[in-house]
Protein backbone atom coordinates (compact mmCIF):
# COMPACT_ATOMS: atom_id res chain seq x y z
CA UNK A 1 0.06 0.16 0.34
CA UNK A 2 2.74 2.66 -1.11
CA UNK A 3 0.30 4.61 -3.27
CA UNK A 4 0.40 8.46 -1.44
CA UNK A 5 -3.36 8.88 -3.03
CA UNK A 6 -4.63 6.00 -1.69
CA UNK A 7 -2.94 6.49 1.88
CA UNK A 8 -4.16 10.03 1.84
CA UNK A 9 -7.78 9.47 0.86
CA UNK A 10 -8.57 5.94 2.40
CA UNK A 11 -6.14 4.59 4.99
CA UNK A 12 -5.35 7.81 6.86
CA UNK A 13 -8.76 8.15 8.32
CA UNK A 14 -8.91 4.68 9.37
CA UNK A 15 -5.91 4.80 11.04
CA UNK A 16 -6.81 7.97 13.01
CA UNK A 17 -9.62 6.11 14.40
CA UNK A 18 -7.84 3.42 15.74
CA UNK A 19 -5.11 5.95 17.33
CA UNK A 20 -7.85 7.79 18.64
CA UNK A 21 -9.36 4.53 20.06
CA UNK A 22 -6.45 3.89 21.90
CA UNK A 23 -5.25 7.22 22.85
CA UNK A 24 -8.48 9.17 24.29
CA UNK A 25 -7.31 11.66 25.99
CA UNK A 26 -3.64 10.69 26.51
CA UNK A 27 -0.87 8.28 26.97
CA UNK A 28 -0.78 8.23 30.62
CA UNK A 29 1.70 5.86 31.15
CA UNK A 30 4.28 7.08 28.52
CA UNK A 31 3.49 10.40 29.95
CA UNK A 32 4.09 9.51 33.21
CA UNK A 33 7.75 7.91 32.39
CA UNK A 34 8.59 10.69 29.49
CA UNK A 35 7.10 13.83 30.07
CA UNK A 36 9.78 15.76 27.89
CA UNK A 37 10.45 14.84 23.83
CA UNK A 38 13.77 12.50 23.85
CA UNK A 39 14.58 11.51 20.58
CA UNK A 40 15.00 7.48 20.87
CA UNK A 41 15.60 4.43 18.65
CA UNK A 42 13.87 1.08 18.52
CA UNK A 43 13.70 -2.20 16.32
CA UNK A 44 10.85 -4.01 14.71
CA UNK A 45 11.49 -7.55 15.09
CA UNK A 46 10.04 -10.50 13.29
CA UNK A 47 9.15 -13.48 15.84
CA UNK A 48 7.70 -16.19 13.26
CA UNK A 49 8.66 -17.03 9.55
CA UNK A 50 5.92 -15.59 7.01
CA UNK A 51 5.09 -13.01 4.74
CA UNK A 52 5.33 -9.47 5.42
CA UNK A 53 2.64 -6.85 4.73
CA UNK A 54 1.47 -3.63 6.03
CA UNK A 55 5.05 -1.61 6.09
CA UNK A 56 3.59 1.62 4.82
CA UNK A 57 0.60 1.26 7.27
CA UNK A 58 3.10 0.82 9.99
CA UNK A 59 5.40 3.48 9.03
CA UNK A 60 2.13 5.97 8.61
CA UNK A 61 0.59 5.21 11.85
CA UNK A 62 3.94 6.88 13.62
CA UNK A 63 4.13 9.56 10.64
CA UNK A 64 0.40 11.01 11.73
CA UNK A 65 1.28 10.99 15.12
CA UNK A 66 4.64 13.00 14.18
CA UNK A 67 5.59 13.49 10.96
CA UNK A 68 9.58 13.71 11.70
CA UNK A 69 9.48 10.41 12.63
CA UNK A 70 11.74 7.85 10.33
CA UNK A 71 11.13 4.36 9.81
CA UNK A 72 14.18 2.85 7.97
CA UNK A 73 12.91 -0.12 6.08
CA UNK A 74 14.83 -3.71 5.43
CA UNK A 75 11.83 -5.27 3.81
CA UNK A 76 9.22 -4.61 1.58
CA UNK A 77 5.00 -5.83 1.60
CA UNK A 78 5.19 -9.16 0.15
CA UNK A 79 8.71 -10.19 1.02
CA UNK A 80 9.26 -13.55 3.11
CA UNK A 81 10.53 -12.83 6.63
CA UNK A 82 12.00 -15.38 8.95
CA UNK A 83 11.87 -15.87 12.73
CA UNK A 84 14.25 -13.22 14.62
CA UNK A 85 14.94 -10.90 11.38
CA UNK A 86 15.36 -7.15 11.71
CA UNK A 87 12.61 -5.68 9.55
CA UNK A 88 12.97 -1.71 10.32
CA UNK A 89 14.53 0.90 12.80
CA UNK A 90 12.19 3.47 13.82
CA UNK A 91 13.84 6.99 14.90
CA UNK A 92 11.80 9.35 16.81
CA UNK A 93 10.60 11.01 19.97
CA UNK A 94 10.25 8.10 22.30
CA UNK A 95 6.85 8.97 23.17
CA UNK A 96 5.58 8.79 19.42
CA UNK A 97 7.45 5.34 19.35
CA UNK A 98 5.53 4.15 22.64
CA UNK A 99 2.20 5.51 22.05
CA UNK A 100 2.00 4.23 18.65
CA UNK A 101 3.30 1.01 19.23
CA UNK A 102 0.25 -0.90 19.63
CA UNK A 103 -1.69 0.28 17.09
CA UNK A 104 1.14 0.40 14.65
CA UNK A 105 1.76 -3.57 15.21
CA UNK A 106 -1.86 -4.18 15.27
CA UNK A 107 -1.94 -3.37 11.75
CA UNK A 108 1.27 -4.46 10.49
CA UNK A 109 0.85 -8.36 12.57
CA UNK A 110 -3.03 -8.49 11.33
CA UNK A 111 -1.95 -7.93 7.75
CA UNK A 112 1.08 -10.07 7.72
CA UNK A 113 -0.82 -12.95 9.39
CA UNK A 114 -3.59 -12.75 6.54
CA UNK A 115 -0.59 -12.52 3.62
CA UNK A 116 0.86 -15.31 5.41
CA UNK A 117 -2.02 -17.56 5.54
CA UNK A 118 -3.16 -16.67 1.79
CA UNK A 119 0.04 -17.44 0.77
CA UNK A 120 -0.05 -21.18 2.16
CA UNK A 121 -3.31 -21.38 0.36
CA UNK A 122 -2.34 -19.84 -2.79
CA UNK A 123 0.87 -22.76 -2.71
CA UNK A 124 -1.78 -25.40 -2.79
CA UNK A 125 -3.71 -24.36 -6.28
CA UNK A 126 -0.06 -23.64 -7.77
CA UNK A 127 -0.16 -25.96 -11.44
CA UNK A 128 -4.10 -25.65 -11.45
CA UNK A 129 -5.96 -22.88 -13.88
CA UNK A 130 -7.86 -22.27 -10.30
CA UNK A 131 -7.70 -18.74 -8.98
CA UNK A 132 -7.76 -18.17 -5.65
CA UNK A 133 -10.31 -15.08 -4.12
CA UNK A 134 -11.12 -13.41 -0.87
CA UNK A 135 -14.75 -12.69 0.10
CA UNK A 136 -16.32 -9.76 2.14
CA UNK A 137 -16.07 -11.41 5.22
CA UNK A 138 -13.61 -8.66 6.47
CA UNK A 139 -13.22 -6.67 9.79
CA UNK A 140 -15.12 -3.99 9.97
CA UNK A 141 -13.35 -0.72 8.96
CA UNK A 142 -10.01 -3.08 7.60
CA UNK A 143 -11.37 -3.89 4.65
CA UNK A 144 -8.81 -2.04 2.46
CA UNK A 145 -5.93 -3.41 4.36
CA UNK A 146 -7.15 -6.86 5.04
CA UNK A 147 -7.77 -7.21 0.90
CA UNK A 148 -4.67 -5.77 -0.13
CA UNK A 149 -3.16 -8.23 2.39
CA UNK A 150 -4.82 -10.72 0.49
CA UNK A 151 -3.08 -9.73 -2.76
CA UNK A 152 0.51 -9.48 -0.97
CA UNK A 153 -0.24 -13.43 -0.35
CA UNK A 154 -0.63 -14.55 -3.70
CA UNK A 155 -4.60 -14.20 -3.72
CA UNK A 156 -6.97 -11.88 -5.71
CA UNK A 157 -9.47 -9.88 -4.96
CA UNK A 158 -13.62 -10.71 -4.95
CA UNK A 159 -15.90 -7.79 -5.29
CA UNK A 160 -14.45 -4.87 -3.00
CA UNK A 161 -18.11 -3.99 -1.65
CA UNK A 162 -21.70 -4.07 -2.76
CA UNK A 163 -21.22 -1.09 -4.78
CA UNK A 164 -18.61 -3.00 -6.95
CA UNK A 165 -20.71 -5.99 -8.47
CA UNK A 166 -23.62 -8.22 -8.57
CA UNK A 167 -23.75 -11.26 -6.78
CA UNK A 168 -27.18 -13.07 -6.53
CA UNK A 169 -27.43 -15.25 -3.53
CA UNK A 170 -29.65 -17.68 -2.32
CA UNK A 171 -31.75 -14.50 -0.43
CA UNK A 172 -31.84 -12.52 -3.54
CA UNK A 173 -33.00 -15.54 -5.55
CA UNK A 174 -35.73 -16.07 -3.01
CA UNK A 175 -36.65 -12.48 -3.03
CA UNK A 176 -36.95 -12.01 -6.78
CA UNK A 177 -38.89 -15.69 -7.00
CA UNK A 178 -36.38 -17.79 -9.12
CA UNK A 179 -32.84 -17.89 -10.69
CA UNK A 180 -34.12 -16.80 -13.81
CA UNK A 181 -36.13 -13.86 -12.53
CA UNK A 182 -33.13 -12.76 -10.53
CA UNK A 183 -30.80 -12.69 -13.47
CA UNK A 184 -33.49 -10.97 -15.47
CA UNK A 185 -33.97 -8.14 -13.03
CA UNK A 186 -30.21 -7.81 -12.68
CA UNK A 187 -29.36 -7.50 -16.29
CA UNK A 188 -32.69 -4.73 -16.74
CA UNK A 189 -31.30 -2.73 -13.45
CA UNK A 190 -27.66 -3.15 -13.86
CA UNK A 191 -25.34 -1.17 -16.51
CA UNK A 192 -24.26 -3.55 -19.34
CA UNK A 193 -20.54 -3.10 -18.05
CA UNK A 194 -21.46 -5.56 -14.92
CA UNK A 195 -21.28 -8.85 -14.93
CA UNK A 196 -23.65 -10.85 -13.27
CA UNK A 197 -22.79 -13.70 -10.55
CA UNK A 198 -25.45 -16.07 -9.18
CA UNK A 199 -25.31 -18.53 -6.24
CA UNK A 200 -26.57 -22.10 -7.04
CA UNK A 201 -26.49 -25.57 -4.69
CA UNK A 202 -27.90 -28.03 -7.09
CA UNK A 203 -27.05 -29.06 -10.67
CA UNK A 204 -30.71 -28.20 -11.54
CA UNK A 205 -30.08 -24.40 -10.49
CA UNK A 206 -26.88 -24.65 -12.64
CA UNK A 207 -28.64 -25.59 -15.47
CA UNK A 208 -31.49 -22.91 -15.06
CA UNK A 209 -28.43 -20.12 -14.29
CA UNK A 210 -26.74 -20.97 -17.45
CA UNK A 211 -29.80 -20.98 -19.65
CA UNK A 212 -30.85 -17.31 -17.57
CA UNK A 213 -27.48 -16.09 -19.61
CA UNK A 214 -25.32 -15.39 -15.84
CA UNK A 215 -21.62 -14.55 -16.43
CA UNK A 216 -20.13 -16.21 -13.21
CA UNK A 217 -22.13 -19.06 -11.38
CA UNK A 218 -21.14 -20.09 -8.17
CA UNK A 219 -20.88 -23.50 -7.03
CA UNK A 220 -21.87 -23.11 -2.97
CA UNK A 221 -20.87 -25.95 -0.78
CA UNK A 222 -21.03 -28.69 -3.40
CA UNK A 223 -19.21 -32.03 -3.24
CA UNK A 224 -16.10 -32.46 -5.81
CA UNK A 225 -17.86 -34.62 -8.00
CA UNK A 226 -21.26 -32.36 -8.22
CA UNK A 227 -18.86 -29.64 -9.06
CA UNK A 228 -17.01 -31.63 -11.79
CA UNK A 229 -20.69 -32.50 -13.14
CA UNK A 230 -21.26 -28.91 -13.00
CA UNK A 231 -18.34 -27.58 -14.54
CA UNK A 232 -19.36 -29.98 -17.86
CA UNK A 233 -22.85 -28.66 -17.81
CA UNK A 234 -21.64 -25.14 -17.89
CA UNK A 235 -19.23 -26.02 -20.44
CA UNK A 236 -17.29 -22.91 -20.66
CA UNK A 237 -20.73 -20.64 -21.29
CA UNK A 238 -19.80 -19.02 -17.81
CA UNK A 239 -16.91 -18.73 -15.45
CA UNK A 240 -17.14 -20.72 -12.32
CA UNK A 241 -16.76 -20.26 -8.72
CA UNK A 242 -16.26 -22.59 -5.78
CA UNK A 243 -17.42 -21.25 -2.09
CA UNK A 244 -18.27 -22.86 1.04
CA UNK A 245 -16.41 -23.32 4.29
CA UNK A 246 -12.75 -23.42 1.83
CA UNK A 247 -10.06 -23.63 4.03
CA UNK A 248 -6.25 -24.65 3.57
CA UNK A 249 -7.18 -28.12 5.15
CA UNK A 250 -9.32 -28.69 2.21
CA UNK A 251 -8.98 -26.68 -0.95
CA UNK A 252 -6.34 -29.38 -2.79
CA UNK A 253 -9.64 -31.46 -3.05
CA UNK A 254 -10.83 -28.69 -5.47
CA UNK A 255 -8.23 -28.66 -7.80
CA UNK A 256 -9.28 -31.18 -9.77
CA UNK A 257 -12.92 -30.12 -10.23
CA UNK A 258 -11.93 -27.70 -13.07
CA UNK A 259 -13.39 -24.50 -11.82
CA UNK A 260 -12.40 -20.94 -12.48
CA UNK A 261 -12.18 -19.31 -9.09
CA UNK A 262 -12.27 -20.38 -5.51
CA UNK A 263 -13.07 -17.98 -3.15
CA UNK A 264 -12.65 -18.22 0.59
CA UNK A 265 -13.63 -16.53 3.85
CA UNK A 266 -10.97 -17.91 5.83
CA UNK A 267 -8.32 -15.50 4.35
CA UNK A 268 -9.62 -12.93 6.03
CA UNK A 269 -11.68 -14.12 8.66
CA UNK A 270 -9.61 -16.80 10.35
CA UNK A 271 -6.03 -16.17 9.35
CA UNK A 272 -3.90 -16.00 12.59
CA UNK A 273 -1.54 -12.72 13.35
CA UNK A 274 2.27 -13.18 12.19
CA UNK A 275 4.05 -12.85 15.69
CA UNK A 276 6.12 -9.13 15.39
CA UNK A 277 7.68 -7.15 17.77
CA UNK A 278 9.09 -3.74 18.71
CA UNK A 279 12.00 -4.58 21.19
CA UNK A 280 15.60 -2.44 22.08
CA UNK A 281 14.06 0.92 22.62
CA UNK A 282 16.78 3.17 23.51
CA UNK A 283 17.55 7.03 23.65
CA UNK A 284 19.94 8.36 21.19
């Protein structure tokens, strides 16, 4: 996330909200031991192997507290990092380094954890035509960071939000009355540049979706044998996406089904953080 426009327009206000949550009036602990400005330096150390992500967000957190803070980075987003590796040195007012530490690390640990987990899942799809996607199952106010982390880990983004694309799910179909009616309504309402994706749970629904002219057909919670049959029925007339409780543990079973995409909410809602610490703070 090194695009300055993206950072200023989208990320800054979210980072400020996180800082306000952590410092509602003052950092009473830091102010008690460090009442005056004092230049210092601290190391950013990785404590676990993984994929790093969020270095610019980490840096920005400190710079929003004090623009004079300097982050000397030795790694970039998407790099593999090892346990014990020195990833950066942060230099500035010790009070800023202490007060911004938790928020900066929360972003970095969370984003790196998602990138690491995504990388592990994506590696299981290597050699196949299937592309790994995320979902909208993200932490509120963290989507811009979490979807970026998925890309750093080797996955791709599904639609960013409800304004970004048409995905007719079971409740939309229920509201419309049928798969055919839902697709017809979407085609009548949406701009012609929008692709229409629809969720299916049975082979009968797959056939109806193809006949109604869906652009993308989601195969939801189907076993591999059923997915293979669905791909045959679709026969290239629409893109195919597998979805439903896809995790690192079971994604390998999907490769032989022949689907174009596989989406996994686990990339963002179940990835553990990557253990990262700020150590060796001292005056300079």
